[in-house]
Protein backbone atom coordinates (compact mmCIF):
# COMPACT_ATOMS: atom_id res chain seq x y z
CA MET A 1 17.21 78.04 -103.86
CA LYS A 2 15.41 76.03 -101.73
CA HIS A 3 14.68 77.46 -98.34
CA LEU A 4 13.19 76.09 -95.15
CA PRO A 5 11.66 78.57 -92.60
CA GLN A 6 10.67 76.06 -90.48
CA LYS A 7 12.20 73.30 -88.04
CA VAL A 8 14.16 70.70 -90.05
CA ASN A 9 15.38 67.26 -88.65
CA LEU A 10 18.42 67.09 -91.39
CA LEU A 11 18.73 63.82 -90.90
CA GLU A 12 15.54 63.31 -91.99
CA LEU A 13 16.14 65.26 -94.98
CA VAL A 14 18.60 63.34 -96.29
CA SER A 15 17.43 59.68 -94.88
CA GLY A 16 16.81 57.79 -98.51
CA ILE A 17 19.62 59.45 -100.02
CA THR A 18 22.54 57.07 -101.42
CA ASP A 19 24.24 58.44 -104.19
CA TYR A 20 25.79 61.68 -104.49
CA ASN A 21 23.54 64.43 -103.34
CA ASN A 22 24.29 68.07 -102.38
CA PHE A 23 21.83 70.77 -101.70
CA VAL A 24 20.99 74.12 -100.29
CA VAL A 25 19.24 73.71 -96.45
CA SER A 26 18.87 77.18 -95.51
CA GLU A 27 19.93 81.07 -96.82
CA ILE A 28 21.81 82.69 -93.96
CA ASN A 29 22.08 86.42 -94.92
CA ASP A 30 25.24 86.08 -97.58
CA HIS A 31 25.90 82.71 -96.71
CA VAL A 32 24.12 79.45 -97.05
CA LEU A 33 23.76 75.60 -95.07
CA ARG A 34 24.20 72.85 -97.48
CA ILE A 35 23.79 69.64 -96.57
CA ALA A 36 25.58 66.20 -98.61
CA VAL A 37 25.95 62.99 -99.06
CA ILE A 38 28.77 60.86 -100.02
CA ASP A 39 30.34 57.63 -100.63
CA GLY A 40 33.60 58.07 -102.49
CA GLU A 41 35.55 61.10 -103.60
CA PHE A 42 34.81 64.70 -104.72
CA HIS A 43 37.48 65.97 -107.04
CA TRP A 44 40.27 67.92 -106.14
CA HIS A 45 39.42 71.94 -106.36
CA GLU A 46 39.73 75.38 -104.47
CA HIS A 47 37.37 78.20 -103.87
CA GLU A 48 37.71 81.58 -103.69
CA THR A 49 35.93 81.77 -99.83
CA ASP A 50 36.46 79.50 -96.96
CA GLU A 51 34.23 76.40 -96.16
CA TYR A 52 33.26 74.63 -93.13
CA PHE A 53 32.28 71.39 -92.82
CA MET A 54 30.66 69.39 -89.69
CA VAL A 55 30.10 65.70 -90.33
CA LEU A 56 26.20 64.12 -89.01
CA GLU A 57 26.71 60.83 -90.31
CA GLY A 58 29.80 58.49 -91.02
CA GLU A 59 33.62 60.15 -91.41
CA LEU A 60 34.51 62.03 -93.87
CA PHE A 61 38.16 62.89 -94.86
CA ILE A 62 39.16 66.27 -96.28
CA ASP A 63 42.57 66.13 -98.20
CA LEU A 64 44.28 68.92 -98.67
CA GLU A 65 47.28 69.87 -100.91
CA ASN A 66 50.16 69.76 -98.73
CA GLU A 67 49.61 66.21 -98.27
CA LYS A 68 47.54 66.27 -95.08
CA SER A 69 44.07 64.75 -94.48
CA ILE A 70 41.64 65.34 -91.78
CA SER A 71 39.25 63.04 -90.84
CA LEU A 72 36.06 63.82 -89.17
CA LEU A 73 33.63 61.82 -87.33
CA PRO A 74 29.76 63.30 -86.34
CA GLY A 75 29.79 66.09 -84.25
CA GLU A 76 33.32 67.31 -86.00
CA GLY A 77 33.93 70.13 -87.98
CA TYR A 78 36.59 72.25 -90.24
CA ASN A 79 37.29 74.75 -91.50
CA VAL A 80 38.80 74.97 -95.26
CA PRO A 81 40.32 78.24 -96.15
CA ALA A 82 40.20 80.32 -99.45
CA HIS A 83 42.10 79.26 -102.01
CA THR A 84 42.85 75.77 -100.37
CA LYS A 85 43.05 73.19 -102.81
CA HIS A 86 41.30 69.88 -101.39
CA ARG A 87 38.99 67.21 -101.48
CA THR A 88 36.32 65.38 -99.82
CA ARG A 89 35.69 61.44 -100.14
CA SER A 90 34.55 59.08 -97.66
CA ASN A 91 35.10 54.73 -97.41
CA ILE A 92 31.22 54.65 -96.20
CA ARG A 93 27.56 56.88 -97.16
CA THR A 94 28.58 59.96 -94.89
CA VAL A 95 26.22 63.16 -94.27
CA ASN A 96 28.02 66.38 -94.11
CA ILE A 97 27.07 70.17 -93.84
CA CYS A 98 28.91 72.84 -94.77
CA PHE A 99 28.74 76.21 -94.25
CA GLU A 100 29.67 79.17 -96.85
CA LYS A 101 28.90 82.18 -98.93
CA ASN A 102 25.63 81.76 -101.32
CA ASP A 103 27.59 82.33 -104.90
CA ASN A 104 30.36 79.65 -103.50
CA ASP A 105 30.78 77.72 -106.55
CA ILE A 106 29.81 74.16 -105.19
CA LYS A 107 32.09 72.48 -107.94
CA GLY A 108 35.03 74.58 -107.68
CA THR A 109 37.93 74.95 -109.49
CA PRO A 110 40.18 72.06 -110.27
């Protein structure tokens, strides 16, 4: 797991990334801060714990199992509660951070 104990610019970390990528930036106690680049959709899944998403660049859509869709723009965040079937998607290159338990399976349960 990657741990950056110094000051870091999150957008610089992903400046050259265009394909889907999701990695740990830092560990915080029993949680991690992940950053992801997405341009398209991720599969429907759910987790045992909450996930908090915040957009840094682009627009992230979080589709929820109840057919509700959340649109997040830069600076906006949303908490997906544990055991909520969801998927993330975007229409353009989008960068988001996610705060979650460090043992969370990032692929989720389909």
